[in-house]
Each structure stands twice: as C-alpha cells, then as structure tokens.
C-alpha atoms as a PDB file:
ATOM      1  CA  MET A   1     -68.929 -12.241  78.467  1.00  0.00           C
ATOM      2  CA  VAL A   2     -65.848 -13.821  79.329  1.00  0.00           C
ATOM      3  CA  THR A   3     -63.091 -14.812  76.980  1.00  0.00           C
ATOM      4  CA  LYS A   4     -61.587 -18.147  77.836  1.00  0.00           C
ATOM      5  CA  LYS A   5     -58.709 -18.180  75.469  1.00  0.00           C
ATOM      6  CA  THR A   6     -57.134 -16.381  72.490  1.00  0.00           C
ATOM      7  CA  SER A   7     -54.760 -17.953  69.947  1.00  0.00           C
ATOM      8  CA  LYS A   8     -53.346 -16.692  66.712  1.00  0.00           C
ATOM      9  CA  LYS A   9     -51.860 -18.942  64.108  1.00  0.00           C
ATOM     10  CA  ILE A  10     -49.859 -18.098  60.910  1.00  0.00           C
ATOM     11  CA  VAL A  11     -49.217 -20.509  58.189  1.00  0.00           C
ATOM     12  CA  LYS A  12     -46.756 -19.665  55.477  1.00  0.00           C
ATOM     13  CA  SER A  13     -47.099 -21.482  52.216  1.00  0.00           C
ATOM     14  CA  GLU A  14     -44.532 -23.361  50.380  1.00  0.00           C
ATOM     15  CA  SER A  15     -42.109 -23.731  53.155  1.00  0.00           C
ATOM     16  CA  THR A  16     -38.748 -25.197  52.244  1.00  0.00           C
ATOM     17  CA  ASN A  17     -36.392 -27.647  53.965  1.00  0.00           C
ATOM     18  CA  SER A  18     -33.019 -26.503  54.693  1.00  0.00           C
ATOM     19  CA  THR A  19     -31.436 -30.012  54.880  1.00  0.00           C
ATOM     20  CA  GLU A  20     -30.202 -30.921  51.301  1.00  0.00           C
ATOM     21  CA  PRO A  21     -30.869 -34.572  50.294  1.00  0.00           C
ATOM     22  CA  LYS A  22     -27.563 -36.662  50.256  1.00  0.00           C
ATOM     23  CA  ASP A  23     -28.387 -38.079  46.694  1.00  0.00           C
ATOM     24  CA  LEU A  24     -29.110 -34.631  45.264  1.00  0.00           C
ATOM     25  CA  ALA A  25     -27.198 -35.561  42.114  1.00  0.00           C
ATOM     26  CA  ARG A  26     -29.567 -38.526  41.225  1.00  0.00           C
ATOM     27  CA  ARG A  27     -32.824 -36.860  41.739  1.00  0.00           C
ATOM     28  CA  ASP A  28     -34.817 -35.591  38.769  1.00  0.00           C
ATOM     29  CA  TYR A  29     -35.772 -32.013  39.485  1.00  0.00           C
ATOM     30  CA  SER A  30     -37.272 -31.117  36.016  1.00  0.00           C
ATOM     31  CA  ASN A  31     -40.782 -31.932  37.069  1.00  0.00           C
ATOM     32  CA  LEU A  32     -40.457 -28.746  39.505  1.00  0.00           C
ATOM     33  CA  GLN A  33     -40.771 -26.462  36.576  1.00  0.00           C
ATOM     34  CA  LYS A  34     -44.511 -26.934  36.441  1.00  0.00           C
ATOM     35  CA  PHE A  35     -44.695 -24.879  39.673  1.00  0.00           C
ATOM     36  CA  ASN A  36     -43.188 -21.830  38.018  1.00  0.00           C
ATOM     37  CA  ARG A  37     -45.911 -19.385  37.358  1.00  0.00           C
ATOM     38  CA  ASP A  38     -46.037 -17.429  34.106  1.00  0.00           C
ATOM     39  CA  GLU A  39     -46.253 -13.474  33.553  1.00  0.00           C
ATOM     40  CA  TYR A  40     -49.940 -13.842  34.303  1.00  0.00           C
ATOM     41  CA  GLY A  41     -49.499 -15.576  37.630  1.00  0.00           C
ATOM     42  CA  LEU A  42     -50.830 -19.047  36.301  1.00  0.00           C
ATOM     43  CA  LEU A  43     -49.363 -22.399  36.623  1.00  0.00           C
ATOM     44  CA  PRO A  44     -48.368 -23.917  33.139  1.00  0.00           C
ATOM     45  CA  SER A  45     -49.451 -27.349  34.300  1.00  0.00           C
ATOM     46  CA  ILE A  46     -52.904 -26.433  34.990  1.00  0.00           C
ATOM     47  CA  GLU A  47     -55.755 -26.177  32.536  1.00  0.00           C
ATOM     48  CA  TYR A  48     -57.597 -23.111  33.427  1.00  0.00           C
ATOM     49  CA  ILE A  49     -61.280 -22.359  32.442  1.00  0.00           C
ATOM     50  CA  PHE A  50     -62.305 -18.747  31.884  1.00  0.00           C
ATOM     51  CA  ASP A  51     -65.744 -17.141  32.048  1.00  0.00           C
ATOM     52  CA  LYS A  52     -66.970 -14.772  29.378  1.00  0.00           C
ATOM     53  CA  ASP A  53     -65.418 -11.824  30.839  1.00  0.00           C
ATOM     54  CA  GLY A  54     -61.970 -13.400  31.143  1.00  0.00           C
ATOM     55  CA  PHE A  55     -61.907 -14.148  34.646  1.00  0.00           C
ATOM     56  CA  ILE A  56     -60.887 -17.663  36.114  1.00  0.00           C
ATOM     57  CA  ASP A  57     -64.058 -19.863  36.398  1.00  0.00           C
ATOM     58  CA  TRP A  58     -62.930 -21.606  39.649  1.00  0.00           C
ATOM     59  CA  ARG A  59     -66.346 -23.331  39.825  1.00  0.00           C
ATOM     60  CA  SER A  60     -65.863 -25.319  36.557  1.00  0.00           C
ATOM     61  CA  MET A  61     -62.369 -26.117  37.490  1.00  0.00           C
ATOM     62  CA  ILE A  62     -62.943 -28.034  40.711  1.00  0.00           C
ATOM     63  CA  PRO A  63     -62.339 -31.858  40.125  1.00  0.00           C
ATOM     64  CA  LYS A  64     -65.384 -33.988  40.794  1.00  0.00           C
ATOM     65  CA  GLU A  65     -63.284 -36.036  43.295  1.00  0.00           C
ATOM     66  CA  TYR A  66     -63.627 -33.016  45.619  1.00  0.00           C
ATOM     67  CA  LEU A  67     -67.544 -32.880  45.305  1.00  0.00           C
ATOM     68  CA  PHE A  68     -70.266 -34.916  46.464  1.00  0.00           C
ATOM     69  CA  PRO A  69     -74.113 -34.622  46.965  1.00  0.00           C
ATOM     70  CA  ASN A  70     -75.475 -32.612  49.887  1.00  0.00           C
ATOM     71  CA  ARG A  71     -77.402 -35.405  51.717  1.00  0.00           C
ATOM     72  CA  TYR A  72     -78.888 -32.837  54.075  1.00  0.00           C
ATOM     73  CA  TRP A  73     -80.542 -30.876  51.096  1.00  0.00           C
ATOM     74  CA  PHE A  74     -82.201 -34.040  49.722  1.00  0.00           C
ATOM     75  CA  GLU A  75     -83.303 -35.307  53.194  1.00  0.00           C
ATOM     76  CA  LEU A  76     -84.746 -32.174  54.073  1.00  0.00           C
ATOM     77  CA  LYS A  77     -86.629 -32.188  50.890  1.00  0.00           C
ATOM     78  CA  GLY A  78     -87.677 -35.865  51.265  1.00  0.00           C
ATOM     79  CA  LYS A  79     -85.858 -36.915  48.393  1.00  0.00           C
ATOM     80  CA  GLU A  80     -83.415 -39.543  47.700  1.00  0.00           C
ATOM     81  CA  VAL A  81     -79.775 -38.821  47.729  1.00  0.00           C
ATOM     82  CA  PRO A  82     -78.008 -39.256  44.405  1.00  0.00           C
ATOM     83  CA  LYS A  83     -74.713 -41.313  44.092  1.00  0.00           C
ATOM     84  CA  SER A  84     -72.907 -38.611  41.927  1.00  0.00           C
ATOM     85  CA  VAL A  85     -73.122 -34.771  41.314  1.00  0.00           C
ATOM     86  CA  ASP A  86     -73.901 -35.055  37.810  1.00  0.00           C
ATOM     87  CA  GLY A  87     -76.622 -32.683  36.908  1.00  0.00           C
ATOM     88  CA  LEU A  88     -77.053 -31.335  40.436  1.00  0.00           C
ATOM     89  CA  ASP A  89     -77.339 -27.493  40.988  1.00  0.00           C
ATOM     90  CA  ASP A  90     -74.561 -25.814  43.351  1.00  0.00           C
ATOM     91  CA  GLU A  91     -77.046 -25.630  46.266  1.00  0.00           C
ATOM     92  CA  GLN A  92     -77.385 -29.487  46.061  1.00  0.00           C
ATOM     93  CA  ILE A  93     -73.475 -30.055  46.234  1.00  0.00           C
ATOM     94  CA  LEU A  94     -70.975 -29.976  49.034  1.00  0.00           C
ATOM     95  CA  ILE A  95     -67.254 -29.497  48.502  1.00  0.00           C
ATOM     96  CA  ARG A  96     -64.617 -31.208  50.660  1.00  0.00           C
ATOM     97  CA  LEU A  97     -62.011 -29.200  52.720  1.00  0.00           C
ATOM     98  CA  SER A  98     -59.505 -31.002  50.642  1.00  0.00           C
ATOM     99  CA  GLY A  99     -60.868 -29.202  47.434  1.00  0.00           C
ATOM    100  CA  ILE A 100     -60.780 -26.041  49.129  1.00  0.00           C
ATOM    101  CA  LYS A 101     -57.121 -26.440  49.795  1.00  0.00           C
ATOM    102  CA  TRP A 102     -56.607 -27.507  46.222  1.00  0.00           C
ATOM    103  CA  ALA A 103     -58.139 -24.503  45.003  1.00  0.00           C
ATOM    104  CA  ALA A 104     -56.280 -22.233  47.313  1.00  0.00           C
ATOM    105  CA  ARG A 105     -52.856 -23.693  46.453  1.00  0.00           C
ATOM    106  CA  ILE A 106     -53.570 -23.433  42.579  1.00  0.00           C
ATOM    107  CA  ARG A 107     -54.640 -19.863  42.986  1.00  0.00           C
ATOM    108  CA  GLY A 108     -51.516 -19.163  45.126  1.00  0.00           C
ATOM    109  CA  TYR A 109     -51.264 -17.368  48.407  1.00  0.00           C
ATOM    110  CA  SER A 110     -48.417 -16.123  50.574  1.00  0.00           C
ATOM    111  CA  SER A 111     -49.826 -16.590  54.131  1.00  0.00           C
ATOM    112  CA  VAL A 112     -52.954 -17.725  56.125  1.00  0.00           C
ATOM    113  CA  CYS A 113     -53.553 -16.214  59.551  1.00  0.00           C
ATOM    114  CA  PHE A 114     -56.200 -17.342  61.983  1.00  0.00           C
ATOM    115  CA  ASP A 115     -57.475 -15.407  65.027  1.00  0.00           C
ATOM    116  CA  ASN A 116     -59.424 -17.911  67.199  1.00  0.00           C
ATOM    117  CA  GLU A 117     -61.432 -16.938  70.229  1.00  0.00           C
ATOM    118  CA  SER A 118     -63.356 -19.057  72.775  1.00  0.00           C
ATOM    119  CA  LEU A 119     -66.437 -17.051  73.847  1.00  0.00           C
ATOM    120  CA  SER A 120     -67.406 -19.811  76.226  1.00  0.00           C
ATOM    121  CA  SER A 121     -66.576 -23.558  76.603  1.00  0.00           C
ATOM    122  CA  ASN A 122     -69.078 -24.579  74.009  1.00  0.00           C
ATOM    123  CA  HIS A 123     -68.794 -21.317  71.528  1.00  0.00           C
ATOM    124  CA  SER A 124     -65.702 -20.626  69.302  1.00  0.00           C
ATOM    125  CA  ILE A 125     -65.219 -18.262  66.533  1.00  0.00           C
ATOM    126  CA  SER A 126     -62.312 -17.890  64.190  1.00  0.00           C
ATOM    127  CA  THR A 127     -61.260 -15.091  61.778  1.00  0.00           C
ATOM    128  CA  CYS A 128     -59.287 -16.402  58.633  1.00  0.00           C
ATOM    129  CA  THR A 129     -57.130 -13.872  56.748  1.00  0.00           C
ATOM    130  CA  ILE A 130     -55.525 -14.951  53.496  1.00  0.00           C
ATOM    131  CA  SER A 131     -52.799 -12.895  51.545  1.00  0.00           C
ATOM    132  CA  TRP A 132     -53.076 -13.937  47.985  1.00  0.00           C
ATOM    133  CA  ILE A 133     -50.225 -13.660  45.477  1.00  0.00           C
ATOM    134  CA  SER A 134     -50.600 -11.400  42.483  1.00  0.00           C
ATOM    135  CA  ASN A 135     -52.063 -12.534  39.152  1.00  0.00           C
ATOM    136  CA  TYR A 136     -53.387 -10.858  36.023  1.00  0.00           C
ATOM    137  CA  GLU A 137     -56.736 -10.417  37.955  1.00  0.00           C
ATOM    138  CA  PHE A 138     -55.043  -8.795  41.004  1.00  0.00           C
ATOM    139  CA  LEU A 139     -51.933  -7.058  39.954  1.00  0.00           C
ATOM    140  CA  ASP A 140     -50.875  -6.025  43.685  1.00  0.00           C
ATOM    141  CA  GLY A 141     -52.291  -9.399  45.056  1.00  0.00           C
ATOM    142  CA  ALA A 142     -55.147  -9.268  47.469  1.00  0.00           C
ATOM    143  CA  THR A 143     -56.154  -9.800  51.104  1.00  0.00           C
ATOM    144  CA  THR A 144     -59.371 -11.449  52.281  1.00  0.00           C
ATOM    145  CA  GLN A 145     -60.890 -12.081  55.592  1.00  0.00           C
ATOM    146  CA  ASP A 146     -63.864 -14.198  56.714  1.00  0.00           C
ATOM    147  CA  VAL A 147     -65.372 -15.248  60.210  1.00  0.00           C
ATOM    148  CA  ALA A 148     -67.058 -18.359  61.359  1.00  0.00           C
ATOM    149  CA  SER A 149     -68.157 -20.027  64.433  1.00  0.00           C
ATOM    150  CA  ALA A 150     -68.664 -23.323  66.106  1.00  0.00           C
ATOM    151  CA  THR A 151     -70.871 -24.435  68.901  1.00  0.00           C
ATOM    152  CA  GLU A 152     -72.318 -27.605  70.286  1.00  0.00           C
ATOM    153  CA  THR A 153     -75.480 -27.086  68.459  1.00  0.00           C
ATOM    154  CA  ASN A 154     -74.093 -26.437  64.930  1.00  0.00           C
ATOM    155  CA  THR A 155     -71.451 -29.276  64.897  1.00  0.00           C
ATOM    156  CA  LYS A 156     -72.011 -33.003  64.864  1.00  0.00           C
ATOM    157  CA  SER A 157     -70.541 -36.230  66.325  1.00  0.00           C
ATOM    158  CA  PHE A 158     -66.752 -35.984  67.536  1.00  0.00           C
ATOM    159  CA  ALA A 159     -66.612 -32.425  66.109  1.00  0.00           C
ATOM    160  CA  LYS A 160     -68.095 -31.200  69.255  1.00  0.00           C
ATOM    161  CA  ASP A 161     -64.850 -31.839  71.153  1.00  0.00           C
ATOM    162  CA  PHE A 162     -62.834 -29.583  68.709  1.00  0.00           C
ATOM    163  CA  LEU A 163     -64.916 -26.495  68.218  1.00  0.00           C
ATOM    164  CA  GLU A 164     -61.750 -24.102  67.677  1.00  0.00           C
ATOM    165  CA  SER A 165     -60.568 -26.379  64.832  1.00  0.00           C
ATOM    166  CA  ILE A 166     -64.170 -26.609  63.189  1.00  0.00           C
ATOM    167  CA  ALA A 167     -64.437 -22.839  63.429  1.00  0.00           C
ATOM    168  CA  ALA A 168     -60.962 -22.375  61.902  1.00  0.00           C
ATOM    169  CA  ASN A 169     -61.817 -24.839  59.141  1.00  0.00           C
ATOM    170  CA  ARG A 170     -65.084 -23.098  58.369  1.00  0.00           C
ATOM    171  CA  ALA A 171     -63.567 -19.557  58.285  1.00  0.00           C
ATOM    172  CA  PHE A 172     -60.887 -20.922  55.865  1.00  0.00           C
ATOM    173  CA  THR A 173     -63.591 -22.445  53.631  1.00  0.00           C
ATOM    174  CA  ARG A 174     -65.580 -19.297  53.491  1.00  0.00           C
ATOM    175  CA  CYS A 175     -62.527 -17.032  52.947  1.00  0.00           C
ATOM    176  CA  VAL A 176     -61.434 -19.048  50.056  1.00  0.00           C
ATOM    177  CA  ARG A 177     -65.011 -19.712  48.697  1.00  0.00           C
ATOM    178  CA  ASN A 178     -65.844 -15.887  48.651  1.00  0.00           C
ATOM    179  CA  PHE A 179     -62.725 -15.093  46.887  1.00  0.00           C
ATOM    180  CA  LEU A 180     -62.868 -17.411  44.175  1.00  0.00           C
ATOM    181  CA  ASN A 181     -66.683 -17.086  43.661  1.00  0.00           C
ATOM    182  CA  LEU A 182     -67.329 -20.694  44.657  1.00  0.00           C
ATOM    183  CA  HIS A 183     -70.916 -20.969  45.359  1.00  0.00           C
ATOM    184  CA  ILE A 184     -70.969 -24.357  46.841  1.00  0.00           C
ATOM    185  CA  VAL A 185     -71.294 -24.733  50.623  1.00  0.00           C
ATOM    186  CA  GLY A 186     -68.265 -26.395  52.112  1.00  0.00           C
ATOM    187  CA  GLU A 187     -68.615 -29.715  53.997  1.00  0.00           C
ATOM    188  CA  GLU A 188     -66.960 -28.082  56.978  1.00  0.00           C
ATOM    189  CA  GLU A 189     -69.903 -25.462  57.148  1.00  0.00           C
ATOM    190  CA  VAL A 190     -72.661 -27.874  57.457  1.00  0.00           C
ATOM    191  CA  GLY A 191     -74.192 -28.663  60.899  1.00  0.00           C
ATOM    192  CA  PRO A 192     -75.961 -31.617  61.938  1.00  0.00           C
ATOM    193  CA  ALA A 193     -79.068 -33.011  60.294  1.00  0.00           C
ATOM    194  CA  LYS A 194     -82.542 -32.655  61.818  1.00  0.00           C
ATOM    195  CA  ASP A 195     -82.443 -36.151  63.164  1.00  0.00           C
ATOM    196  CA  GLU A 196     -78.907 -35.730  64.685  1.00  0.00           C
ATOM    197  CA  ILE A 197     -80.227 -32.732  66.861  1.00  0.00           C
ATOM    198  CA  GLY A 198     -82.259 -34.672  68.957  1.00  0.00           C
ATOM    199  CA  ARG A 199     -85.915 -35.680  69.465  1.00  0.00           C
ATOM    200  CA  SER A 200     -86.569 -32.339  71.417  1.00  0.00           C
ATOM    201  CA  ASN A 201     -86.364 -30.339  68.167  1.00  0.00           C
ATOM    202  CA  GLU A 202     -88.627 -32.686  66.112  1.00  0.00           C
ATOM    203  CA  SER A 203     -90.716 -29.621  65.216  1.00  0.00           C
ATOM    204  CA  GLU A 204     -87.897 -27.562  64.171  1.00  0.00           C
ATOM    205  CA  SER A 205     -88.427 -26.082  60.744  1.00  0.00           C
ATOM    206  CA  VAL A 206     -86.156 -26.386  57.690  1.00  0.00           C
ATOM    207  CA  SER A 207     -85.256 -22.636  57.803  1.00  0.00           C
ATOM    208  CA  GLU A 208     -84.286 -22.970  61.520  1.00  0.00           C
ATOM    209  CA  ILE A 209     -81.960 -25.845  60.835  1.00  0.00           C
ATOM    210  CA  GLN A 210     -80.211 -24.212  57.927  1.00  0.00           C
ATOM    211  CA  SER A 211     -79.804 -21.035  60.072  1.00  0.00           C
ATOM    212  CA  ALA A 212     -78.103 -23.188  62.836  1.00  0.00           C
ATOM    213  CA  GLN A 213     -75.692 -24.383  60.225  1.00  0.00           C
ATOM    214  CA  SER A 214     -74.682 -21.085  59.202  1.00  0.00           C
ATOM    215  CA  VAL A 215     -73.888 -18.426  62.111  1.00  0.00           C
ATOM    216  CA  THR A 216     -72.483 -15.363  60.844  1.00  0.00           C
ATOM    217  CA  ALA A 217     -70.396 -12.713  62.678  1.00  0.00           C
ATOM    218  CA  HIS A 218     -73.278 -10.236  62.783  1.00  0.00           C
ATOM    219  CA  LYS A 219     -75.430 -12.980  64.360  1.00  0.00           C
ATOM    220  CA  ILE A 220     -72.780 -13.811  66.975  1.00  0.00           C
ATOM    221  CA  LEU A 221     -72.725  -9.857  67.765  1.00  0.00           C
ATOM    222  CA  GLU A 222     -76.461  -9.682  67.961  1.00  0.00           C
ATOM    223  CA  ASP A 223     -76.706 -12.498  70.530  1.00  0.00           C
ATOM    224  CA  ASN A 224     -73.836 -11.103  72.721  1.00  0.00           C
ATOM    225  CA  MET A 225     -75.325  -7.713  72.582  1.00  0.00           C
ATOM    226  CA  ILE A 226     -78.594  -8.909  73.812  1.00  0.00           C
ATOM    227  CA  ALA A 227     -76.819 -10.798  76.479  1.00  0.00           C
ATOM    228  CA  SER A 228     -75.008  -7.729  77.617  1.00  0.00           C
ATOM    229  CA  GLY A 229     -78.351  -5.822  77.990  1.00  0.00           C
ATOM    230  CA  ILE A 230     -77.956  -3.869  74.628  1.00  0.00           C
ATOM    231  CA  LYS A 231     -81.465  -4.608  73.174  1.00  0.00           C
ATOM    232  CA  SER A 232     -83.488  -1.488  72.155  1.00  0.00           C
ATOM    233  CA  ARG A 233     -82.763   0.272  68.790  1.00  0.00           C
ATOM    234  CA  ASP A 234     -81.549   3.428  70.599  1.00  0.00           C
ATOM    235  CA  GLU A 235     -79.324   1.392  72.818  1.00  0.00           C
ATOM    236  CA  VAL A 236     -77.839  -0.589  69.728  1.00  0.00           C
ATOM    237  CA  ASN A 237     -77.106   2.666  67.725  1.00  0.00           C
ATOM    238  CA  ALA A 238     -75.581   4.384  70.588  1.00  0.00           C
ATOM    239  CA  PHE A 239     -73.259   1.556  71.361  1.00  0.00           C
ATOM    240  CA  LEU A 240     -72.183   1.093  67.817  1.00  0.00           C
ATOM    241  CA  THR A 241     -71.761   4.786  67.191  1.00  0.00           C
ATOM    242  CA  GLU A 242     -69.567   5.139  70.329  1.00  0.00           C
ATOM    243  CA  LYS A 243     -67.317   2.171  69.601  1.00  0.00           C
ATOM    244  CA  LEU A 244     -66.920   2.707  65.905  1.00  0.00           C
ATOM    245  CA  GLY A 245     -66.485   6.498  65.794  1.00  0.00           C
ATOM    246  CA  ARG A 246     -69.118   6.983  63.135  1.00  0.00           C
ATOM    247  CA  GLU A 247     -72.678   7.409  63.216  1.00  0.00           C
ATOM    248  CA  ILE A 248     -74.738   4.151  62.950  1.00  0.00           C
ATOM    249  CA  ASN A 249     -78.342   3.987  62.537  1.00  0.00           C
ATOM    250  CA  VAL A 250     -79.939   0.624  61.989  1.00  0.00           C
ATOM    251  CA  GLU A 251     -83.748   0.035  62.223  1.00  0.00           C
ATOM    252  CA  ASN A 252     -83.550  -3.614  63.473  1.00  0.00           C
ATOM    253  CA  TRP A 253     -81.094  -6.330  63.922  1.00  0.00           C
ATOM    254  CA  SER A 254     -81.045  -7.355  60.151  1.00  0.00           C
ATOM    255  CA  GLY A 255     -79.716  -3.900  59.481  1.00  0.00           C
ATOM    256  CA  LEU A 256     -76.190  -4.925  61.123  1.00  0.00           C
ATOM    257  CA  GLU A 257     -75.201  -6.805  57.800  1.00  0.00           C
ATOM    258  CA  LYS A 258     -75.394  -3.736  55.898  1.00  0.00           C
ATOM    259  CA  ALA A 259     -73.980  -1.412  58.309  1.00  0.00           C
ATOM    260  CA  LEU A 260     -70.911  -3.487  59.766  1.00  0.00           C
ATOM    261  CA  THR A 261     -68.216  -5.413  58.198  1.00  0.00           C
ATOM    262  CA  GLN A 262     -67.148  -8.841  59.732  1.00  0.00           C
ATOM    263  CA  LYS A 263     -63.909  -7.435  60.988  1.00  0.00           C
ATOM    264  CA  GLU A 264     -65.869  -4.534  62.618  1.00  0.00           C
ATOM    265  CA  CYS A 265     -68.212  -7.352  64.225  1.00  0.00           C
ATOM    266  CA  LEU A 266     -65.055  -9.086  65.691  1.00  0.00           C
ATOM    267  CA  GLY A 267     -63.880  -5.787  67.112  1.00  0.00           C
ATOM    268  CA  LEU A 268     -67.072  -5.049  68.860  1.00  0.00           C
ATOM    269  CA  LEU A 269     -67.284  -8.559  70.323  1.00  0.00           C
ATOM    270  CA  LYS A 270     -63.944  -7.950  71.870  1.00  0.00           C
ATOM    271  CA  GLY A 271     -65.421  -4.682  73.282  1.00  0.00           C
ATOM    272  CA  LEU A 272     -68.313  -6.305  74.574  1.00  0.00           C
ATOM    273  CA  LYS A 273     -66.320  -8.738  76.609  1.00  0.00           C
ATOM    274  CA  THR A 274     -64.254  -6.042  78.201  1.00  0.00           C
ATOM    275  CA  LYS A 275     -67.263  -3.975  79.365  1.00  0.00           C
END
C-alpha cells in the first residue's frame, strides 16, 4: 500500500492577539470574567447538569439548536421524519459539528492534534488527539485519541472532494463524543443514504449501509492486511506478534477490536505500507 501524503496539524485553543486595540480604555472587559474557571474547572456562566454519581451529564446539556432528527434512521425504517427531536431516542438524533465544538469548548482543552494520512486517492484516515484541561473529574487532565476514515463510498455529494477534511472532522467528533459520553452520532459521521449510493446497490441491506457509514481503524487494518496477503489466522497472529512485540492470538477478524487499540492499528497500517 502506497502512502500519498501525510500531514500533521496542531490547533491550540484560546489563542491571543498581540495587537492591543487603540480604544482599550473605552472597552468593557467585565464580561470576560465569565470565562474564568472556578476551583472545580467549571465555567460560572454555564448551568451544568450532573448525573446521580456527580459527573457532568453532557448529553442533557447539549442545546437543542445543535440537534436534529436523523432522517437516515427514519428512512431506513420507512417512517416519516419528525420535525423536532422532542421525544426521540439518541439513536434517532444527529448532532451538528458546531454542537461538538460547543461541548469541547465548554469542557476545556489545551490542544487538538490531527495526524492525517491518505492511503490512496479515494481513502483518507485521520487520528485526532485532544489534551483536555483538568477539572474535578480529571485532576491531572486527560488525553484522548480516536481514528476515523473517509472514502468515496462513505461520503456524500461535494464531501467526496475533501476526504482528508471529512476524516479529520469525523475523528474530532468521535474523540469528543467518546470522552464526554455523548451517545449521539455526529452529522459528520453519517455516510450517504441508500438512494444516494446508486441503483447498483438497490439490494444492499440496512446493516451493510450502516457498516459503510462507520468504518473503524480495526476494519481499515483488516482490509489492508488482506490486500497485503495476510489472510490466514496463523499469518495474522504472526504479523501482529512480530510488529507489536507481544503475543497476539485472535481467532478471527472480529477479535482485532479486543486485541488492539486504535493507536496500535494506525502504527500497524504504517508498517504494512512500508513492507
């Protein structure tokens, strides 16, 4: 497998402008105090909601303006798409990228890093790493990482021309959702509806469509191992054991998810491309 390009991008939060405004004396900066976090790492201007164990309930805090019905779910079920999210289950709702960004800003982070790779002209993967600031839940802060992909078959319309950006947005969305326990699929993560895939896929099942909409790092590794001629159980285990430096013994492809982390999958992908 040949890598076409690799790019890394680091985004720092809360950057400052070094140029002082000329009318500094006339500006009212008292409103900025609402961004000063308290001893718990929380913003005094935000009305937090907590679960029964005392942790922040981010799901209940997401403003409705960032949520909308998942029309794909209703269309696949042959049901009418509702006009609001009232009374809907999480699986019937999508969250906008702006909502994910809102949640990340309120939670607080120090940096976001993207590691983007193009496996081919129509297949990009992105690893998003977020360093979260400390609060009462994580006194020493936390760092989380997630992987996502974008291909011509799991994107729609003009997004097919921006696979690297779509992969990065998906990885960011998953990284935030998983850390904050938001069990609502992000708008960026949803692929094309069945009727958008093409007439040739008319017989495609619901499970197959949903699978195409969510390609994991483990699935990407599986596909690339097969393409590299690593197919049998013994070949797979021998390759993984050699590359990871520890004994790996999986019975089938589904065992990869339990045996490997997403970070290990990305490292193994790089190893496959340099074979």
